[in-house]
Amino acid sequence: MKDLLLYVAKNLVDNPDAVTVTETERDDSVVLELRVAPGDMGKVIGRQGRIAKEIRTLMKAAGLKENKKISVDILD
C-alpha cells in the first residue's frame, strides 16, 4: 500500500524527494500519512480536492484486495 501511494504522489509533484509516507496499522485498517513539500500541496490536493479524493479512492480499492480498510491523510 505504502509503495503505491509513494509512486502516485511522486509522479504528481515537482519535488519527489520530499514525498514521505508513514504507514500505521490498526486491527483491520491502515492509515497512510502523506507528506509533500509545501509548494506541492496544491498538486496533491487538486482543485476542490478532486485529486486527493481520487488518491483516496484508488487506495481504498487497493485495500479491498487485502481485506483492509485504507485511509489516507495528507499532512502539511
C-alpha atoms as a PDB file:
ATOM      1  CA  MET A   1       0.000   0.000   0.000  1.00  0.00           C
ATOM      2  CA  LYS A   2       2.726   2.388   1.014  1.00  0.00           C
ATOM      3  CA  ASP A   3       4.645   1.810  -2.226  1.00  0.00           C
ATOM      4  CA  LEU A   4       1.593   2.506  -4.367  1.00  0.00           C
ATOM      5  CA  LEU A   5       0.904   5.803  -2.611  1.00  0.00           C
ATOM      6  CA  LEU A   6       4.576   6.813  -2.907  1.00  0.00           C
ATOM      7  CA  TYR A   7       4.529   6.053  -6.634  1.00  0.00           C
ATOM      8  CA  VAL A   8       1.380   8.079  -7.270  1.00  0.00           C
ATOM      9  CA  ALA A   9       2.468  11.054  -5.161  1.00  0.00           C
ATOM     10  CA  LYS A  10       5.992  11.231  -6.590  1.00  0.00           C
ATOM     11  CA  ASN A  11       4.584  11.381 -10.116  1.00  0.00           C
ATOM     12  CA  LEU A  12       2.277  14.282  -9.224  1.00  0.00           C
ATOM     13  CA  VAL A  13       4.729  16.665  -7.551  1.00  0.00           C
ATOM     14  CA  ASP A  14       7.675  18.800  -8.697  1.00  0.00           C
ATOM     15  CA  ASN A  15       9.879  17.757  -5.758  1.00  0.00           C
ATOM     16  CA  PRO A  16       9.590  13.944  -5.497  1.00  0.00           C
ATOM     17  CA  ASP A  17      12.455  13.716  -2.972  1.00  0.00           C
ATOM     18  CA  ALA A  18      10.312  15.498  -0.354  1.00  0.00           C
ATOM     19  CA  VAL A  19       7.489  12.919  -0.525  1.00  0.00           C
ATOM     20  CA  THR A  20       7.185  10.662   2.523  1.00  0.00           C
ATOM     21  CA  VAL A  21       4.545   8.151   3.563  1.00  0.00           C
ATOM     22  CA  THR A  22       4.075   6.817   7.079  1.00  0.00           C
ATOM     23  CA  GLU A  23       2.030   3.635   7.498  1.00  0.00           C
ATOM     24  CA  THR A  24       0.200   2.797  10.733  1.00  0.00           C
ATOM     25  CA  GLU A  25      -1.771  -0.447  11.110  1.00  0.00           C
ATOM     26  CA  ARG A  26      -4.674  -0.938  13.494  1.00  0.00           C
ATOM     27  CA  ASP A  27      -6.598  -4.237  13.529  1.00  0.00           C
ATOM     28  CA  ASP A  28      -8.082  -4.450  10.023  1.00  0.00           C
ATOM     29  CA  SER A  29      -7.385  -0.843   8.985  1.00  0.00           C
ATOM     30  CA  VAL A  30      -4.335   1.009   7.717  1.00  0.00           C
ATOM     31  CA  VAL A  31      -3.701   4.751   8.000  1.00  0.00           C
ATOM     32  CA  LEU A  32      -1.299   6.239   5.462  1.00  0.00           C
ATOM     33  CA  GLU A  33       0.051   9.721   6.186  1.00  0.00           C
ATOM     34  CA  LEU A  34       1.311  11.532   3.096  1.00  0.00           C
ATOM     35  CA  ARG A  35       3.687  14.475   3.421  1.00  0.00           C
ATOM     36  CA  VAL A  36       4.873  16.602   0.499  1.00  0.00           C
ATOM     37  CA  ALA A  37       6.777  19.866   0.110  1.00  0.00           C
ATOM     38  CA  PRO A  38       4.640  22.958   0.875  1.00  0.00           C
ATOM     39  CA  GLY A  39       4.842  24.101  -2.745  1.00  0.00           C
ATOM     40  CA  ASP A  40       3.480  20.768  -3.981  1.00  0.00           C
ATOM     41  CA  MET A  41       0.486  20.626  -1.652  1.00  0.00           C
ATOM     42  CA  GLY A  42      -1.846  22.082  -4.283  1.00  0.00           C
ATOM     43  CA  LYS A  43      -0.800  19.478  -6.839  1.00  0.00           C
ATOM     44  CA  VAL A  44      -1.649  16.633  -4.472  1.00  0.00           C
ATOM     45  CA  ILE A  45      -4.965  18.120  -3.355  1.00  0.00           C
ATOM     46  CA  GLY A  46      -6.116  19.492  -6.714  1.00  0.00           C
ATOM     47  CA  ARG A  47      -8.974  21.841  -7.471  1.00  0.00           C
ATOM     48  CA  GLN A  48     -11.756  21.394  -4.955  1.00  0.00           C
ATOM     49  CA  GLY A  49      -9.919  18.319  -3.618  1.00  0.00           C
ATOM     50  CA  ARG A  50     -10.500  16.222  -6.712  1.00  0.00           C
ATOM     51  CA  ILE A  51      -7.026  14.687  -6.900  1.00  0.00           C
ATOM     52  CA  ALA A  52      -6.976  13.936  -3.163  1.00  0.00           C
ATOM     53  CA  LYS A  53     -10.369  12.264  -3.479  1.00  0.00           C
ATOM     54  CA  GLU A  54      -9.151  10.110  -6.384  1.00  0.00           C
ATOM     55  CA  ILE A  55      -5.998   9.133  -4.473  1.00  0.00           C
ATOM     56  CA  ARG A  56      -8.157   8.016  -1.549  1.00  0.00           C
ATOM     57  CA  THR A  57     -10.473   6.088  -3.894  1.00  0.00           C
ATOM     58  CA  LEU A  58      -7.509   4.333  -5.513  1.00  0.00           C
ATOM     59  CA  MET A  59      -6.026   3.358  -2.153  1.00  0.00           C
ATOM     60  CA  LYS A  60      -9.379   2.067  -0.857  1.00  0.00           C
ATOM     61  CA  ALA A  61      -9.741  -0.079  -3.974  1.00  0.00           C
ATOM     62  CA  ALA A  62      -6.222  -1.465  -3.492  1.00  0.00           C
ATOM     63  CA  GLY A  63      -7.061  -2.222   0.144  1.00  0.00           C
ATOM     64  CA  LEU A  64     -10.043  -4.327  -0.868  1.00  0.00           C
ATOM     65  CA  LYS A  65      -7.647  -6.917  -2.298  1.00  0.00           C
ATOM     66  CA  GLU A  66      -6.148  -7.425   1.172  1.00  0.00           C
ATOM     67  CA  ASN A  67      -9.448  -7.022   3.054  1.00  0.00           C
ATOM     68  CA  LYS A  68      -8.171  -3.905   4.822  1.00  0.00           C
ATOM     69  CA  LYS A  69      -9.727  -0.504   5.244  1.00  0.00           C
ATOM     70  CA  ILE A  70      -7.318   2.156   3.962  1.00  0.00           C
ATOM     71  CA  SER A  71      -7.444   5.829   4.840  1.00  0.00           C
ATOM     72  CA  VAL A  72      -5.088   8.498   3.508  1.00  0.00           C
ATOM     73  CA  ASP A  73      -4.253  11.640   5.480  1.00  0.00           C
ATOM     74  CA  ILE A  74      -2.480  14.445   3.616  1.00  0.00           C
ATOM     75  CA  LEU A  75      -0.387  16.391   6.103  1.00  0.00           C
ATOM     76  CA  ASP A  76       1.453  19.672   5.707  1.00  0.00           C
END
